[in-house]
Amino acid sequence: MEISQQLFRAFDEPNRTNPSYDERWGSDDLALITCWEVGRKIRVKDPELAELAVKGELPVLGLKGGVETKIQKEFKYGTLHYLAQWQGLRGEDLNIDMAQETELVCQRTGMKVVFTLDSKNYLDT
């Protein structure tokens, strides 16, 4: 039986105000809320990039998971941190089950990306 570790924050909730380092990077959410908040800030600063994400593209964001071009492999791995940032960039609620992998296909390249917390998967690619 799989146990859900669902992490949810509504998009209309404000970003946290001056969270401590431990709140941002050392809490039970494994910094996924911080990544989502960064995505929301990027959305404001770069509406064109946000529009690409809204269209289903997986743009390069500085976290493993973005797709520049399709590679020969059937899929690649990305981090759930990228997925959280991407959800914020799209203007979505943060909605991630940390116990599950999530698959998305970049609408521009057709490349499938499997988002995971398991670093052995995405560090080898």
Protein backbone atom coordinates (compact mmCIF):
# COMPACT_ATOMS: atom_id res chain seq x y z
CA MET A 1 0.00 0.00 0.00
CA GLU A 2 1.43 3.36 -1.10
CA ILE A 3 1.39 6.17 1.45
CA SER A 4 0.64 9.64 0.12
CA GLN A 5 2.84 12.52 1.15
CA GLN A 6 0.68 15.16 -0.50
CA LEU A 7 1.98 18.71 -0.41
CA PHE A 8 -0.57 21.40 -1.29
CA ARG A 9 -0.63 25.19 -1.20
CA ALA A 10 -3.26 27.25 -2.99
CA PHE A 11 -1.97 29.72 -5.57
CA ASP A 12 -3.94 32.54 -3.91
CA GLU A 13 -2.00 32.05 -0.65
CA PRO A 14 0.67 34.73 -0.32
CA ASN A 15 4.34 33.81 -0.36
CA ARG A 16 5.80 33.38 3.09
CA THR A 17 7.26 36.57 4.56
CA ASN A 18 10.94 36.30 5.51
CA PRO A 19 11.02 32.59 6.30
CA SER A 20 14.13 31.44 8.12
CA TYR A 21 16.75 29.36 6.36
CA ASP A 22 15.47 26.26 8.14
CA GLU A 23 11.87 27.02 7.08
CA ARG A 24 12.94 27.45 3.44
CA TRP A 25 15.41 24.57 3.10
CA GLY A 26 15.21 22.30 6.16
CA SER A 27 11.54 21.62 6.74
CA ASP A 28 9.41 18.56 5.96
CA ASP A 29 8.44 19.93 2.53
CA LEU A 30 12.09 19.48 1.41
CA ALA A 31 12.14 23.05 0.00
CA LEU A 32 9.37 22.35 -2.50
CA ILE A 33 7.37 25.32 -1.18
CA THR A 34 10.43 27.54 -1.66
CA CYS A 35 10.82 26.33 -5.25
CA TRP A 36 7.13 26.96 -5.92
CA GLU A 37 7.40 30.48 -4.49
CA VAL A 38 10.42 31.14 -6.75
CA GLY A 39 8.35 29.98 -9.73
CA ARG A 40 5.64 32.46 -8.79
CA LYS A 41 8.23 35.27 -8.68
CA ILE A 42 9.62 34.26 -12.08
CA ARG A 43 6.05 34.34 -13.43
CA VAL A 44 5.83 38.04 -12.55
CA LYS A 45 9.31 38.89 -13.87
CA ASP A 46 9.11 36.86 -17.10
CA PRO A 47 5.54 36.55 -18.41
CA GLU A 48 6.79 35.13 -21.74
CA LEU A 49 8.47 32.22 -19.95
CA ALA A 50 5.33 31.73 -17.86
CA GLU A 51 3.26 31.55 -21.05
CA LEU A 52 5.50 28.78 -22.42
CA ALA A 53 4.90 26.80 -19.22
CA VAL A 54 1.15 27.43 -19.44
CA LYS A 55 1.26 25.96 -22.97
CA GLY A 56 2.76 22.77 -21.52
CA GLU A 57 6.41 23.38 -22.32
CA LEU A 58 9.08 22.40 -19.79
CA PRO A 59 11.53 25.31 -20.13
CA VAL A 60 15.02 25.20 -18.65
CA LEU A 61 14.77 26.78 -15.18
CA GLY A 62 18.02 25.97 -13.41
CA LEU A 63 16.70 22.81 -11.76
CA LYS A 64 16.92 19.42 -13.42
CA GLY A 65 13.79 18.76 -15.44
CA GLY A 66 13.63 21.36 -18.19
CA VAL A 67 13.85 20.29 -21.83
CA GLU A 68 15.87 22.19 -24.40
CA THR A 69 15.78 19.51 -27.10
CA LYS A 70 14.49 15.96 -27.31
CA ILE A 71 17.15 13.37 -26.55
CA GLN A 72 17.34 9.83 -27.91
CA LYS A 73 16.29 8.22 -24.63
CA GLU A 74 12.62 7.39 -24.15
CA PHE A 75 12.47 9.73 -21.13
CA LYS A 76 14.65 11.68 -18.74
CA TYR A 77 14.45 12.32 -15.01
CA GLY A 78 13.85 15.64 -13.33
CA THR A 79 13.47 16.76 -9.74
CA LEU A 80 10.22 17.37 -7.91
CA HIS A 81 11.81 20.76 -7.14
CA TYR A 82 11.60 21.62 -10.85
CA LEU A 83 7.98 20.45 -10.89
CA ALA A 84 7.17 22.71 -7.92
CA GLN A 85 8.83 25.70 -9.59
CA TRP A 86 7.04 24.92 -12.86
CA GLN A 87 3.65 24.80 -11.09
CA GLY A 88 4.34 28.23 -9.61
CA LEU A 89 5.47 29.55 -12.99
CA ARG A 90 2.21 28.33 -14.53
CA GLY A 91 0.13 30.04 -11.84
CA GLU A 92 -1.04 26.74 -10.37
CA ASP A 93 -1.50 25.51 -6.84
CA LEU A 94 1.45 23.59 -5.44
CA ASN A 95 0.13 20.05 -5.63
CA ILE A 96 2.75 17.30 -5.37
CA ASP A 97 2.73 13.85 -3.82
CA MET A 98 6.32 13.52 -2.60
CA ALA A 99 5.96 9.72 -2.44
CA GLN A 100 5.13 9.43 -6.15
CA GLU A 101 6.90 10.09 -9.42
CA THR A 102 5.08 12.39 -11.82
CA GLU A 103 5.37 12.14 -15.61
CA LEU A 104 4.93 15.07 -17.98
CA VAL A 105 5.57 15.44 -21.70
CA CYS A 106 6.99 18.71 -23.00
CA GLN A 107 4.51 20.01 -25.55
CA ARG A 108 7.23 21.65 -27.65
CA THR A 109 9.71 18.77 -27.88
CA GLY A 110 7.61 15.70 -27.10
CA MET A 111 10.20 14.65 -24.50
CA LYS A 112 8.81 12.75 -21.49
CA VAL A 113 10.21 13.75 -18.09
CA VAL A 114 9.74 11.71 -14.93
CA PHE A 115 9.93 13.92 -11.83
CA THR A 116 11.20 12.26 -8.66
CA LEU A 117 12.82 12.89 -5.28
CA ASP A 118 15.14 9.93 -5.89
CA SER A 119 18.42 11.68 -6.67
CA LYS A 120 20.12 8.51 -7.93
CA ASN A 121 17.81 8.67 -10.96
CA TYR A 122 18.41 12.24 -12.05
CA LEU A 123 22.08 12.55 -11.05
CA ASP A 124 23.03 9.71 -13.42
CA THR A 125 21.45 11.38 -16.48
